[in-house]
Each structure stands twice: as structure tokens, then as C-alpha cells.
PDBML (XML) file of the C-alpha atoms, coordinates in Angstrom:
<?xml version="1.0" encoding="UTF-8" ?>
<PDBx:datablock datablockName="MODEL"
   xmlns:PDBx="http://pdbml.pdb.org/schema/pdbx-v50.xsd"
   xmlns:xsi="http://www.w3.org/2001/XMLSchema-instance"
   xsi:schemaLocation="http://pdbml.pdb.org/schema/pdbx-v50.xsd pdbx-v50.xsd">
   <PDBx:atom_siteCategory>
      <PDBx:atom_site id="1">
         <PDBx:B_iso_or_equiv>0.00</PDBx:B_iso_or_equiv>
         <PDBx:Cartn_x>4.532</PDBx:Cartn_x>
         <PDBx:Cartn_y>-23.262</PDBx:Cartn_y>
         <PDBx:Cartn_z>-0.464</PDBx:Cartn_z>
         <PDBx:auth_asym_id>A</PDBx:auth_asym_id>
         <PDBx:auth_atom_id>CA</PDBx:auth_atom_id>
         <PDBx:auth_comp_id>GLY</PDBx:auth_comp_id>
         <PDBx:auth_seq_id>1</PDBx:auth_seq_id>
         <PDBx:group_PDB>ATOM</PDBx:group_PDB>
         <PDBx:label_alt_id xsi:nil="true" />
         <PDBx:label_asym_id>A</PDBx:label_asym_id>
         <PDBx:label_atom_id>CA</PDBx:label_atom_id>
         <PDBx:label_comp_id>GLY</PDBx:label_comp_id>
         <PDBx:label_entity_id>1</PDBx:label_entity_id>
         <PDBx:label_seq_id>1</PDBx:label_seq_id>
         <PDBx:occupancy>1.00</PDBx:occupancy>
         <PDBx:pdbx_PDB_model_num>1</PDBx:pdbx_PDB_model_num>
         <PDBx:type_symbol>C</PDBx:type_symbol>
      </PDBx:atom_site>
      <PDBx:atom_site id="2">
         <PDBx:B_iso_or_equiv>0.00</PDBx:B_iso_or_equiv>
         <PDBx:Cartn_x>4.847</PDBx:Cartn_x>
         <PDBx:Cartn_y>-21.888</PDBx:Cartn_y>
         <PDBx:Cartn_z>3.083</PDBx:Cartn_z>
         <PDBx:auth_asym_id>A</PDBx:auth_asym_id>
         <PDBx:auth_atom_id>CA</PDBx:auth_atom_id>
         <PDBx:auth_comp_id>ALA</PDBx:auth_comp_id>
         <PDBx:auth_seq_id>2</PDBx:auth_seq_id>
         <PDBx:group_PDB>ATOM</PDBx:group_PDB>
         <PDBx:label_alt_id xsi:nil="true" />
         <PDBx:label_asym_id>A</PDBx:label_asym_id>
         <PDBx:label_atom_id>CA</PDBx:label_atom_id>
         <PDBx:label_comp_id>ALA</PDBx:label_comp_id>
         <PDBx:label_entity_id>1</PDBx:label_entity_id>
         <PDBx:label_seq_id>2</PDBx:label_seq_id>
         <PDBx:occupancy>1.00</PDBx:occupancy>
         <PDBx:pdbx_PDB_model_num>1</PDBx:pdbx_PDB_model_num>
         <PDBx:type_symbol>C</PDBx:type_symbol>
      </PDBx:atom_site>
      <PDBx:atom_site id="3">
         <PDBx:B_iso_or_equiv>0.00</PDBx:B_iso_or_equiv>
         <PDBx:Cartn_x>1.425</PDBx:Cartn_x>
         <PDBx:Cartn_y>-20.195</PDBx:Cartn_y>
         <PDBx:Cartn_z>2.785</PDBx:Cartn_z>
         <PDBx:auth_asym_id>A</PDBx:auth_asym_id>
         <PDBx:auth_atom_id>CA</PDBx:auth_atom_id>
         <PDBx:auth_comp_id>ALA</PDBx:auth_comp_id>
         <PDBx:auth_seq_id>3</PDBx:auth_seq_id>
         <PDBx:group_PDB>ATOM</PDBx:group_PDB>
         <PDBx:label_alt_id xsi:nil="true" />
         <PDBx:label_asym_id>A</PDBx:label_asym_id>
         <PDBx:label_atom_id>CA</PDBx:label_atom_id>
         <PDBx:label_comp_id>ALA</PDBx:label_comp_id>
         <PDBx:label_entity_id>1</PDBx:label_entity_id>
         <PDBx:label_seq_id>3</PDBx:label_seq_id>
         <PDBx:occupancy>1.00</PDBx:occupancy>
         <PDBx:pdbx_PDB_model_num>1</PDBx:pdbx_PDB_model_num>
         <PDBx:type_symbol>C</PDBx:type_symbol>
      </PDBx:atom_site>
      <PDBx:atom_site id="4">
         <PDBx:B_iso_or_equiv>0.00</PDBx:B_iso_or_equiv>
         <PDBx:Cartn_x>-1.685</PDBx:Cartn_x>
         <PDBx:Cartn_y>-20.623</PDBx:Cartn_y>
         <PDBx:Cartn_z>0.656</PDBx:Cartn_z>
         <PDBx:auth_asym_id>A</PDBx:auth_asym_id>
         <PDBx:auth_atom_id>CA</PDBx:auth_atom_id>
         <PDBx:auth_comp_id>ASP</PDBx:auth_comp_id>
         <PDBx:auth_seq_id>4</PDBx:auth_seq_id>
         <PDBx:group_PDB>ATOM</PDBx:group_PDB>
         <PDBx:label_alt_id xsi:nil="true" />
         <PDBx:label_asym_id>A</PDBx:label_asym_id>
         <PDBx:label_atom_id>CA</PDBx:label_atom_id>
         <PDBx:label_comp_id>ASP</PDBx:label_comp_id>
         <PDBx:label_entity_id>1</PDBx:label_entity_id>
         <PDBx:label_seq_id>4</PDBx:label_seq_id>
         <PDBx:occupancy>1.00</PDBx:occupancy>
         <PDBx:pdbx_PDB_model_num>1</PDBx:pdbx_PDB_model_num>
         <PDBx:type_symbol>C</PDBx:type_symbol>
      </PDBx:atom_site>
      <PDBx:atom_site id="5">
         <PDBx:B_iso_or_equiv>0.00</PDBx:B_iso_or_equiv>
         <PDBx:Cartn_x>-2.585</PDBx:Cartn_x>
         <PDBx:Cartn_y>-16.929</PDBx:Cartn_y>
         <PDBx:Cartn_z>0.750</PDBx:Cartn_z>
         <PDBx:auth_asym_id>A</PDBx:auth_asym_id>
         <PDBx:auth_atom_id>CA</PDBx:auth_atom_id>
         <PDBx:auth_comp_id>ASP</PDBx:auth_comp_id>
         <PDBx:auth_seq_id>5</PDBx:auth_seq_id>
         <PDBx:group_PDB>ATOM</PDBx:group_PDB>
         <PDBx:label_alt_id xsi:nil="true" />
         <PDBx:label_asym_id>A</PDBx:label_asym_id>
         <PDBx:label_atom_id>CA</PDBx:label_atom_id>
         <PDBx:label_comp_id>ASP</PDBx:label_comp_id>
         <PDBx:label_entity_id>1</PDBx:label_entity_id>
         <PDBx:label_seq_id>5</PDBx:label_seq_id>
         <PDBx:occupancy>1.00</PDBx:occupancy>
         <PDBx:pdbx_PDB_model_num>1</PDBx:pdbx_PDB_model_num>
         <PDBx:type_symbol>C</PDBx:type_symbol>
      </PDBx:atom_site>
      <PDBx:atom_site id="6">
         <PDBx:B_iso_or_equiv>0.00</PDBx:B_iso_or_equiv>
         <PDBx:Cartn_x>-1.106</PDBx:Cartn_x>
         <PDBx:Cartn_y>-13.775</PDBx:Cartn_y>
         <PDBx:Cartn_z>2.180</PDBx:Cartn_z>
         <PDBx:auth_asym_id>A</PDBx:auth_asym_id>
         <PDBx:auth_atom_id>CA</PDBx:auth_atom_id>
         <PDBx:auth_comp_id>GLY</PDBx:auth_comp_id>
         <PDBx:auth_seq_id>6</PDBx:auth_seq_id>
         <PDBx:group_PDB>ATOM</PDBx:group_PDB>
         <PDBx:label_alt_id xsi:nil="true" />
         <PDBx:label_asym_id>A</PDBx:label_asym_id>
         <PDBx:label_atom_id>CA</PDBx:label_atom_id>
         <PDBx:label_comp_id>GLY</PDBx:label_comp_id>
         <PDBx:label_entity_id>1</PDBx:label_entity_id>
         <PDBx:label_seq_id>6</PDBx:label_seq_id>
         <PDBx:occupancy>1.00</PDBx:occupancy>
         <PDBx:pdbx_PDB_model_num>1</PDBx:pdbx_PDB_model_num>
         <PDBx:type_symbol>C</PDBx:type_symbol>
      </PDBx:atom_site>
      <PDBx:atom_site id="7">
         <PDBx:B_iso_or_equiv>0.00</PDBx:B_iso_or_equiv>
         <PDBx:Cartn_x>-2.647</PDBx:Cartn_x>
         <PDBx:Cartn_y>-10.532</PDBx:Cartn_y>
         <PDBx:Cartn_z>3.372</PDBx:Cartn_z>
         <PDBx:auth_asym_id>A</PDBx:auth_asym_id>
         <PDBx:auth_atom_id>CA</PDBx:auth_atom_id>
         <PDBx:auth_comp_id>PHE</PDBx:auth_comp_id>
         <PDBx:auth_seq_id>7</PDBx:auth_seq_id>
         <PDBx:group_PDB>ATOM</PDBx:group_PDB>
         <PDBx:label_alt_id xsi:nil="true" />
         <PDBx:label_asym_id>A</PDBx:label_asym_id>
         <PDBx:label_atom_id>CA</PDBx:label_atom_id>
         <PDBx:label_comp_id>PHE</PDBx:label_comp_id>
         <PDBx:label_entity_id>1</PDBx:label_entity_id>
         <PDBx:label_seq_id>7</PDBx:label_seq_id>
         <PDBx:occupancy>1.00</PDBx:occupancy>
         <PDBx:pdbx_PDB_model_num>1</PDBx:pdbx_PDB_model_num>
         <PDBx:type_symbol>C</PDBx:type_symbol>
      </PDBx:atom_site>
      <PDBx:atom_site id="8">
         <PDBx:B_iso_or_equiv>0.00</PDBx:B_iso_or_equiv>
         <PDBx:Cartn_x>-1.127</PDBx:Cartn_x>
         <PDBx:Cartn_y>-7.247</PDBx:Cartn_y>
         <PDBx:Cartn_z>4.436</PDBx:Cartn_z>
         <PDBx:auth_asym_id>A</PDBx:auth_asym_id>
         <PDBx:auth_atom_id>CA</PDBx:auth_atom_id>
         <PDBx:auth_comp_id>ALA</PDBx:auth_comp_id>
         <PDBx:auth_seq_id>8</PDBx:auth_seq_id>
         <PDBx:group_PDB>ATOM</PDBx:group_PDB>
         <PDBx:label_alt_id xsi:nil="true" />
         <PDBx:label_asym_id>A</PDBx:label_asym_id>
         <PDBx:label_atom_id>CA</PDBx:label_atom_id>
         <PDBx:label_comp_id>ALA</PDBx:label_comp_id>
         <PDBx:label_entity_id>1</PDBx:label_entity_id>
         <PDBx:label_seq_id>8</PDBx:label_seq_id>
         <PDBx:occupancy>1.00</PDBx:occupancy>
         <PDBx:pdbx_PDB_model_num>1</PDBx:pdbx_PDB_model_num>
         <PDBx:type_symbol>C</PDBx:type_symbol>
      </PDBx:atom_site>
      <PDBx:atom_site id="9">
         <PDBx:B_iso_or_equiv>0.00</PDBx:B_iso_or_equiv>
         <PDBx:Cartn_x>-3.154</PDBx:Cartn_x>
         <PDBx:Cartn_y>-4.516</PDBx:Cartn_y>
         <PDBx:Cartn_z>6.091</PDBx:Cartn_z>
         <PDBx:auth_asym_id>A</PDBx:auth_asym_id>
         <PDBx:auth_atom_id>CA</PDBx:auth_atom_id>
         <PDBx:auth_comp_id>ILE</PDBx:auth_comp_id>
         <PDBx:auth_seq_id>9</PDBx:auth_seq_id>
         <PDBx:group_PDB>ATOM</PDBx:group_PDB>
         <PDBx:label_alt_id xsi:nil="true" />
         <PDBx:label_asym_id>A</PDBx:label_asym_id>
         <PDBx:label_atom_id>CA</PDBx:label_atom_id>
         <PDBx:label_comp_id>ILE</PDBx:label_comp_id>
         <PDBx:label_entity_id>1</PDBx:label_entity_id>
         <PDBx:label_seq_id>9</PDBx:label_seq_id>
         <PDBx:occupancy>1.00</PDBx:occupancy>
         <PDBx:pdbx_PDB_model_num>1</PDBx:pdbx_PDB_model_num>
         <PDBx:type_symbol>C</PDBx:type_symbol>
      </PDBx:atom_site>
      <PDBx:atom_site id="10">
         <PDBx:B_iso_or_equiv>0.00</PDBx:B_iso_or_equiv>
         <PDBx:Cartn_x>-1.856</PDBx:Cartn_x>
         <PDBx:Cartn_y>-0.983</PDBx:Cartn_y>
         <PDBx:Cartn_z>5.927</PDBx:Cartn_z>
         <PDBx:auth_asym_id>A</PDBx:auth_asym_id>
         <PDBx:auth_atom_id>CA</PDBx:auth_atom_id>
         <PDBx:auth_comp_id>VAL</PDBx:auth_comp_id>
         <PDBx:auth_seq_id>10</PDBx:auth_seq_id>
         <PDBx:group_PDB>ATOM</PDBx:group_PDB>
         <PDBx:label_alt_id xsi:nil="true" />
         <PDBx:label_asym_id>A</PDBx:label_asym_id>
         <PDBx:label_atom_id>CA</PDBx:label_atom_id>
         <PDBx:label_comp_id>VAL</PDBx:label_comp_id>
         <PDBx:label_entity_id>1</PDBx:label_entity_id>
         <PDBx:label_seq_id>10</PDBx:label_seq_id>
         <PDBx:occupancy>1.00</PDBx:occupancy>
         <PDBx:pdbx_PDB_model_num>1</PDBx:pdbx_PDB_model_num>
         <PDBx:type_symbol>C</PDBx:type_symbol>
      </PDBx:atom_site>
      <PDBx:atom_site id="11">
         <PDBx:B_iso_or_equiv>0.00</PDBx:B_iso_or_equiv>
         <PDBx:Cartn_x>-3.434</PDBx:Cartn_x>
         <PDBx:Cartn_y>1.527</PDBx:Cartn_y>
         <PDBx:Cartn_z>8.277</PDBx:Cartn_z>
         <PDBx:auth_asym_id>A</PDBx:auth_asym_id>
         <PDBx:auth_atom_id>CA</PDBx:auth_atom_id>
         <PDBx:auth_comp_id>LEU</PDBx:auth_comp_id>
         <PDBx:auth_seq_id>11</PDBx:auth_seq_id>
         <PDBx:group_PDB>ATOM</PDBx:group_PDB>
         <PDBx:label_alt_id xsi:nil="true" />
         <PDBx:label_asym_id>A</PDBx:label_asym_id>
         <PDBx:label_atom_id>CA</PDBx:label_atom_id>
         <PDBx:label_comp_id>LEU</PDBx:label_comp_id>
         <PDBx:label_entity_id>1</PDBx:label_entity_id>
         <PDBx:label_seq_id>11</PDBx:label_seq_id>
         <PDBx:occupancy>1.00</PDBx:occupancy>
         <PDBx:pdbx_PDB_model_num>1</PDBx:pdbx_PDB_model_num>
         <PDBx:type_symbol>C</PDBx:type_symbol>
      </PDBx:atom_site>
      <PDBx:atom_site id="12">
         <PDBx:B_iso_or_equiv>0.00</PDBx:B_iso_or_equiv>
         <PDBx:Cartn_x>-2.722</PDBx:Cartn_x>
         <PDBx:Cartn_y>5.215</PDBx:Cartn_y>
         <PDBx:Cartn_z>7.718</PDBx:Cartn_z>
         <PDBx:auth_asym_id>A</PDBx:auth_asym_id>
         <PDBx:auth_atom_id>CA</PDBx:auth_atom_id>
         <PDBx:auth_comp_id>THR</PDBx:auth_comp_id>
         <PDBx:auth_seq_id>12</PDBx:auth_seq_id>
         <PDBx:group_PDB>ATOM</PDBx:group_PDB>
         <PDBx:label_alt_id xsi:nil="true" />
         <PDBx:label_asym_id>A</PDBx:label_asym_id>
         <PDBx:label_atom_id>CA</PDBx:label_atom_id>
         <PDBx:label_comp_id>THR</PDBx:label_comp_id>
         <PDBx:label_entity_id>1</PDBx:label_entity_id>
         <PDBx:label_seq_id>12</PDBx:label_seq_id>
         <PDBx:occupancy>1.00</PDBx:occupancy>
         <PDBx:pdbx_PDB_model_num>1</PDBx:pdbx_PDB_model_num>
         <PDBx:type_symbol>C</PDBx:type_symbol>
      </PDBx:atom_site>
      <PDBx:atom_site id="13">
         <PDBx:B_iso_or_equiv>0.00</PDBx:B_iso_or_equiv>
         <PDBx:Cartn_x>-4.289</PDBx:Cartn_x>
         <PDBx:Cartn_y>8.616</PDBx:Cartn_y>
         <PDBx:Cartn_z>8.140</PDBx:Cartn_z>
         <PDBx:auth_asym_id>A</PDBx:auth_asym_id>
         <PDBx:auth_atom_id>CA</PDBx:auth_atom_id>
         <PDBx:auth_comp_id>ASN</PDBx:auth_comp_id>
         <PDBx:auth_seq_id>13</PDBx:auth_seq_id>
         <PDBx:group_PDB>ATOM</PDBx:group_PDB>
         <PDBx:label_alt_id xsi:nil="true" />
         <PDBx:label_asym_id>A</PDBx:label_asym_id>
         <PDBx:label_atom_id>CA</PDBx:label_atom_id>
         <PDBx:label_comp_id>ASN</PDBx:label_comp_id>
         <PDBx:label_entity_id>1</PDBx:label_entity_id>
         <PDBx:label_seq_id>13</PDBx:label_seq_id>
         <PDBx:occupancy>1.00</PDBx:occupancy>
         <PDBx:pdbx_PDB_model_num>1</PDBx:pdbx_PDB_model_num>
         <PDBx:type_symbol>C</PDBx:type_symbol>
      </PDBx:atom_site>
      <PDBx:atom_site id="14">
         <PDBx:B_iso_or_equiv>0.00</PDBx:B_iso_or_equiv>
         <PDBx:Cartn_x>-1.963</PDBx:Cartn_x>
         <PDBx:Cartn_y>10.210</PDBx:Cartn_y>
         <PDBx:Cartn_z>5.568</PDBx:Cartn_z>
         <PDBx:auth_asym_id>A</PDBx:auth_asym_id>
         <PDBx:auth_atom_id>CA</PDBx:auth_atom_id>
         <PDBx:auth_comp_id>ASP</PDBx:auth_comp_id>
         <PDBx:auth_seq_id>14</PDBx:auth_seq_id>
         <PDBx:group_PDB>ATOM</PDBx:group_PDB>
         <PDBx:label_alt_id xsi:nil="true" />
         <PDBx:label_asym_id>A</PDBx:label_asym_id>
         <PDBx:label_atom_id>CA</PDBx:label_atom_id>
         <PDBx:label_comp_id>ASP</PDBx:label_comp_id>
         <PDBx:label_entity_id>1</PDBx:label_entity_id>
         <PDBx:label_seq_id>14</PDBx:label_seq_id>
         <PDBx:occupancy>1.00</PDBx:occupancy>
         <PDBx:pdbx_PDB_model_num>1</PDBx:pdbx_PDB_model_num>
         <PDBx:type_symbol>C</PDBx:type_symbol>
      </PDBx:atom_site>
      <PDBx:atom_site id="15">
         <PDBx:B_iso_or_equiv>0.00</PDBx:B_iso_or_equiv>
         <PDBx:Cartn_x>-3.789</PDBx:Cartn_x>
         <PDBx:Cartn_y>10.794</PDBx:Cartn_y>
         <PDBx:Cartn_z>2.250</PDBx:Cartn_z>
         <PDBx:auth_asym_id>A</PDBx:auth_asym_id>
         <PDBx:auth_atom_id>CA</PDBx:auth_atom_id>
         <PDBx:auth_comp_id>PRO</PDBx:auth_comp_id>
         <PDBx:auth_seq_id>15</PDBx:auth_seq_id>
         <PDBx:group_PDB>ATOM</PDBx:group_PDB>
         <PDBx:label_alt_id xsi:nil="true" />
         <PDBx:label_asym_id>A</PDBx:label_asym_id>
         <PDBx:label_atom_id>CA</PDBx:label_atom_id>
         <PDBx:label_comp_id>PRO</PDBx:label_comp_id>
         <PDBx:label_entity_id>1</PDBx:label_entity_id>
         <PDBx:label_seq_id>15</PDBx:label_seq_id>
         <PDBx:occupancy>1.00</PDBx:occupancy>
         <PDBx:pdbx_PDB_model_num>1</PDBx:pdbx_PDB_model_num>
         <PDBx:type_symbol>C</PDBx:type_symbol>
      </PDBx:atom_site>
      <PDBx:atom_site id="16">
         <PDBx:B_iso_or_equiv>0.00</PDBx:B_iso_or_equiv>
         <PDBx:Cartn_x>-0.538</PDBx:Cartn_x>
         <PDBx:Cartn_y>10.848</PDBx:Cartn_y>
         <PDBx:Cartn_z>0.288</PDBx:Cartn_z>
         <PDBx:auth_asym_id>A</PDBx:auth_asym_id>
         <PDBx:auth_atom_id>CA</PDBx:auth_atom_id>
         <PDBx:auth_comp_id>SER</PDBx:auth_comp_id>
         <PDBx:auth_seq_id>16</PDBx:auth_seq_id>
         <PDBx:group_PDB>ATOM</PDBx:group_PDB>
         <PDBx:label_alt_id xsi:nil="true" />
         <PDBx:label_asym_id>A</PDBx:label_asym_id>
         <PDBx:label_atom_id>CA</PDBx:label_atom_id>
         <PDBx:label_comp_id>SER</PDBx:label_comp_id>
         <PDBx:label_entity_id>1</PDBx:label_entity_id>
         <PDBx:label_seq_id>16</PDBx:label_seq_id>
         <PDBx:occupancy>1.00</PDBx:occupancy>
         <PDBx:pdbx_PDB_model_num>1</PDBx:pdbx_PDB_model_num>
         <PDBx:type_symbol>C</PDBx:type_symbol>
      </PDBx:atom_site>
      <PDBx:atom_site id="17">
         <PDBx:B_iso_or_equiv>0.00</PDBx:B_iso_or_equiv>
         <PDBx:Cartn_x>-0.530</PDBx:Cartn_x>
         <PDBx:Cartn_y>7.043</PDBx:Cartn_y>
         <PDBx:Cartn_z>0.432</PDBx:Cartn_z>
         <PDBx:auth_asym_id>A</PDBx:auth_asym_id>
         <PDBx:auth_atom_id>CA</PDBx:auth_atom_id>
         <PDBx:auth_comp_id>TYR</PDBx:auth_comp_id>
         <PDBx:auth_seq_id>17</PDBx:auth_seq_id>
         <PDBx:group_PDB>ATOM</PDBx:group_PDB>
         <PDBx:label_alt_id xsi:nil="true" />
         <PDBx:label_asym_id>A</PDBx:label_asym_id>
         <PDBx:label_atom_id>CA</PDBx:label_atom_id>
         <PDBx:label_comp_id>TYR</PDBx:label_comp_id>
         <PDBx:label_entity_id>1</PDBx:label_entity_id>
         <PDBx:label_seq_id>17</PDBx:label_seq_id>
         <PDBx:occupancy>1.00</PDBx:occupancy>
         <PDBx:pdbx_PDB_model_num>1</PDBx:pdbx_PDB_model_num>
         <PDBx:type_symbol>C</PDBx:type_symbol>
      </PDBx:atom_site>
      <PDBx:atom_site id="18">
         <PDBx:B_iso_or_equiv>0.00</PDBx:B_iso_or_equiv>
         <PDBx:Cartn_x>-3.810</PDBx:Cartn_x>
         <PDBx:Cartn_y>6.528</PDBx:Cartn_y>
         <PDBx:Cartn_z>-1.427</PDBx:Cartn_z>
         <PDBx:auth_asym_id>A</PDBx:auth_asym_id>
         <PDBx:auth_atom_id>CA</PDBx:auth_atom_id>
         <PDBx:auth_comp_id>TRP</PDBx:auth_comp_id>
         <PDBx:auth_seq_id>18</PDBx:auth_seq_id>
         <PDBx:group_PDB>ATOM</PDBx:group_PDB>
         <PDBx:label_alt_id xsi:nil="true" />
         <PDBx:label_asym_id>A</PDBx:label_asym_id>
         <PDBx:label_atom_id>CA</PDBx:label_atom_id>
         <PDBx:label_comp_id>TRP</PDBx:label_comp_id>
         <PDBx:label_entity_id>1</PDBx:label_entity_id>
         <PDBx:label_seq_id>18</PDBx:label_seq_id>
         <PDBx:occupancy>1.00</PDBx:occupancy>
         <PDBx:pdbx_PDB_model_num>1</PDBx:pdbx_PDB_model_num>
         <PDBx:type_symbol>C</PDBx:type_symbol>
      </PDBx:atom_site>
      <PDBx:atom_site id="19">
         <PDBx:B_iso_or_equiv>0.00</PDBx:B_iso_or_equiv>
         <PDBx:Cartn_x>-3.822</PDBx:Cartn_x>
         <PDBx:Cartn_y>9.667</PDBx:Cartn_y>
         <PDBx:Cartn_z>-3.578</PDBx:Cartn_z>
         <PDBx:auth_asym_id>A</PDBx:auth_asym_id>
         <PDBx:auth_atom_id>CA</PDBx:auth_atom_id>
         <PDBx:auth_comp_id>GLN</PDBx:auth_comp_id>
         <PDBx:auth_seq_id>19</PDBx:auth_seq_id>
         <PDBx:group_PDB>ATOM</PDBx:group_PDB>
         <PDBx:label_alt_id xsi:nil="true" />
         <PDBx:label_asym_id>A</PDBx:label_asym_id>
         <PDBx:label_atom_id>CA</PDBx:label_atom_id>
         <PDBx:label_comp_id>GLN</PDBx:label_comp_id>
         <PDBx:label_entity_id>1</PDBx:label_entity_id>
         <PDBx:label_seq_id>19</PDBx:label_seq_id>
         <PDBx:occupancy>1.00</PDBx:occupancy>
         <PDBx:pdbx_PDB_model_num>1</PDBx:pdbx_PDB_model_num>
         <PDBx:type_symbol>C</PDBx:type_symbol>
      </PDBx:atom_site>
      <PDBx:atom_site id="20">
         <PDBx:B_iso_or_equiv>0.00</PDBx:B_iso_or_equiv>
         <PDBx:Cartn_x>-0.576</PDBx:Cartn_x>
         <PDBx:Cartn_y>8.754</PDBx:Cartn_y>
         <PDBx:Cartn_z>-5.272</PDBx:Cartn_z>
         <PDBx:auth_asym_id>A</PDBx:auth_asym_id>
         <PDBx:auth_atom_id>CA</PDBx:auth_atom_id>
         <PDBx:auth_comp_id>GLY</PDBx:auth_comp_id>
         <PDBx:auth_seq_id>20</PDBx:auth_seq_id>
         <PDBx:group_PDB>ATOM</PDBx:group_PDB>
         <PDBx:label_alt_id xsi:nil="true" />
         <PDBx:label_asym_id>A</PDBx:label_asym_id>
         <PDBx:label_atom_id>CA</PDBx:label_atom_id>
         <PDBx:label_comp_id>GLY</PDBx:label_comp_id>
         <PDBx:label_entity_id>1</PDBx:label_entity_id>
         <PDBx:label_seq_id>20</PDBx:label_seq_id>
         <PDBx:occupancy>1.00</PDBx:occupancy>
         <PDBx:pdbx_PDB_model_num>1</PDBx:pdbx_PDB_model_num>
         <PDBx:type_symbol>C</PDBx:type_symbol>
      </PDBx:atom_site>
      <PDBx:atom_site id="21">
         <PDBx:B_iso_or_equiv>0.00</PDBx:B_iso_or_equiv>
         <PDBx:Cartn_x>1.657</PDBx:Cartn_x>
         <PDBx:Cartn_y>11.397</PDBx:Cartn_y>
         <PDBx:Cartn_z>-6.771</PDBx:Cartn_z>
         <PDBx:auth_asym_id>A</PDBx:auth_asym_id>
         <PDBx:auth_atom_id>CA</PDBx:auth_atom_id>
         <PDBx:auth_comp_id>GLY</PDBx:auth_comp_id>
         <PDBx:auth_seq_id>21</PDBx:auth_seq_id>
         <PDBx:group_PDB>ATOM</PDBx:group_PDB>
         <PDBx:label_alt_id xsi:nil="true" />
         <PDBx:label_asym_id>A</PDBx:label_asym_id>
         <PDBx:label_atom_id>CA</PDBx:label_atom_id>
         <PDBx:label_comp_id>GLY</PDBx:label_comp_id>
         <PDBx:label_entity_id>1</PDBx:label_entity_id>
         <PDBx:label_seq_id>21</PDBx:label_seq_id>
         <PDBx:occupancy>1.00</PDBx:occupancy>
         <PDBx:pdbx_PDB_model_num>1</PDBx:pdbx_PDB_model_num>
         <PDBx:type_symbol>C</PDBx:type_symbol>
      </PDBx:atom_site>
      <PDBx:atom_site id="22">
         <PDBx:B_iso_or_equiv>0.00</PDBx:B_iso_or_equiv>
         <PDBx:Cartn_x>2.114</PDBx:Cartn_x>
         <PDBx:Cartn_y>13.209</PDBx:Cartn_y>
         <PDBx:Cartn_z>-10.023</PDBx:Cartn_z>
         <PDBx:auth_asym_id>A</PDBx:auth_asym_id>
         <PDBx:auth_atom_id>CA</PDBx:auth_atom_id>
         <PDBx:auth_comp_id>GLU</PDBx:auth_comp_id>
         <PDBx:auth_seq_id>22</PDBx:auth_seq_id>
         <PDBx:group_PDB>ATOM</PDBx:group_PDB>
         <PDBx:label_alt_id xsi:nil="true" />
         <PDBx:label_asym_id>A</PDBx:label_asym_id>
         <PDBx:label_atom_id>CA</PDBx:label_atom_id>
         <PDBx:label_comp_id>GLU</PDBx:label_comp_id>
         <PDBx:label_entity_id>1</PDBx:label_entity_id>
         <PDBx:label_seq_id>22</PDBx:label_seq_id>
         <PDBx:occupancy>1.00</PDBx:occupancy>
         <PDBx:pdbx_PDB_model_num>1</PDBx:pdbx_PDB_model_num>
         <PDBx:type_symbol>C</PDBx:type_symbol>
      </PDBx:atom_site>
      <PDBx:atom_site id="23">
         <PDBx:B_iso_or_equiv>0.00</PDBx:B_iso_or_equiv>
         <PDBx:Cartn_x>5.853</PDBx:Cartn_x>
         <PDBx:Cartn_y>13.887</PDBx:Cartn_y>
         <PDBx:Cartn_z>-10.060</PDBx:Cartn_z>
         <PDBx:auth_asym_id>A</PDBx:auth_asym_id>
         <PDBx:auth_atom_id>CA</PDBx:auth_atom_id>
         <PDBx:auth_comp_id>ARG</PDBx:auth_comp_id>
         <PDBx:auth_seq_id>23</PDBx:auth_seq_id>
         <PDBx:group_PDB>ATOM</PDBx:group_PDB>
         <PDBx:label_alt_id xsi:nil="true" />
         <PDBx:label_asym_id>A</PDBx:label_asym_id>
         <PDBx:label_atom_id>CA</PDBx:label_atom_id>
         <PDBx:label_comp_id>ARG</PDBx:label_comp_id>
         <PDBx:label_entity_id>1</PDBx:label_entity_id>
         <PDBx:label_seq_id>23</PDBx:label_seq_id>
         <PDBx:occupancy>1.00</PDBx:occupancy>
         <PDBx:pdbx_PDB_model_num>1</PDBx:pdbx_PDB_model_num>
         <PDBx:type_symbol>C</PDBx:type_symbol>
      </PDBx:atom_site>
      <PDBx:atom_site id="24">
         <PDBx:B_iso_or_equiv>0.00</PDBx:B_iso_or_equiv>
         <PDBx:Cartn_x>7.792</PDBx:Cartn_x>
         <PDBx:Cartn_y>11.624</PDBx:Cartn_y>
         <PDBx:Cartn_z>-12.383</PDBx:Cartn_z>
         <PDBx:auth_asym_id>A</PDBx:auth_asym_id>
         <PDBx:auth_atom_id>CA</PDBx:auth_atom_id>
         <PDBx:auth_comp_id>GLU</PDBx:auth_comp_id>
         <PDBx:auth_seq_id>24</PDBx:auth_seq_id>
         <PDBx:group_PDB>ATOM</PDBx:group_PDB>
         <PDBx:label_alt_id xsi:nil="true" />
         <PDBx:label_asym_id>A</PDBx:label_asym_id>
         <PDBx:label_atom_id>CA</PDBx:label_atom_id>
         <PDBx:label_comp_id>GLU</PDBx:label_comp_id>
         <PDBx:label_entity_id>1</PDBx:label_entity_id>
         <PDBx:label_seq_id>24</PDBx:label_seq_id>
         <PDBx:occupancy>1.00</PDBx:occupancy>
         <PDBx:pdbx_PDB_model_num>1</PDBx:pdbx_PDB_model_num>
         <PDBx:type_symbol>C</PDBx:type_symbol>
      </PDBx:atom_site>
      <PDBx:atom_site id="25">
         <PDBx:B_iso_or_equiv>0.00</PDBx:B_iso_or_equiv>
         <PDBx:Cartn_x>11.414</PDBx:Cartn_x>
         <PDBx:Cartn_y>10.630</PDBx:Cartn_y>
         <PDBx:Cartn_z>-11.975</PDBx:Cartn_z>
         <PDBx:auth_asym_id>A</PDBx:auth_asym_id>
         <PDBx:auth_atom_id>CA</PDBx:auth_atom_id>
         <PDBx:auth_comp_id>GLY</PDBx:auth_comp_id>
         <PDBx:auth_seq_id>25</PDBx:auth_seq_id>
         <PDBx:group_PDB>ATOM</PDBx:group_PDB>
         <PDBx:label_alt_id xsi:nil="true" />
         <PDBx:label_asym_id>A</PDBx:label_asym_id>
         <PDBx:label_atom_id>CA</PDBx:label_atom_id>
         <PDBx:label_comp_id>GLY</PDBx:label_comp_id>
         <PDBx:label_entity_id>1</PDBx:label_entity_id>
         <PDBx:label_seq_id>25</PDBx:label_seq_id>
         <PDBx:occupancy>1.00</PDBx:occupancy>
         <PDBx:pdbx_PDB_model_num>1</PDBx:pdbx_PDB_model_num>
         <PDBx:type_symbol>C</PDBx:type_symbol>
      </PDBx:atom_site>
   </PDBx:atom_siteCategory>
</PDBx:datablock>
């Protein structure tokens, strides 16, 4: 109850963050 909503903004120029990965484990 300390906040009604929460937002986090992530700024990056590294495509590995939004492309994900395929390696499991």
C-alpha cells in the first residue's frame, strides 16, 4: 500500500536484453 502503481524504465543499447537467449540451463 506504499504505492498505487510502479514503473521501471530500463535504457540500454545492448540488443541481448530484448532479443533474449536460446541457451537453456
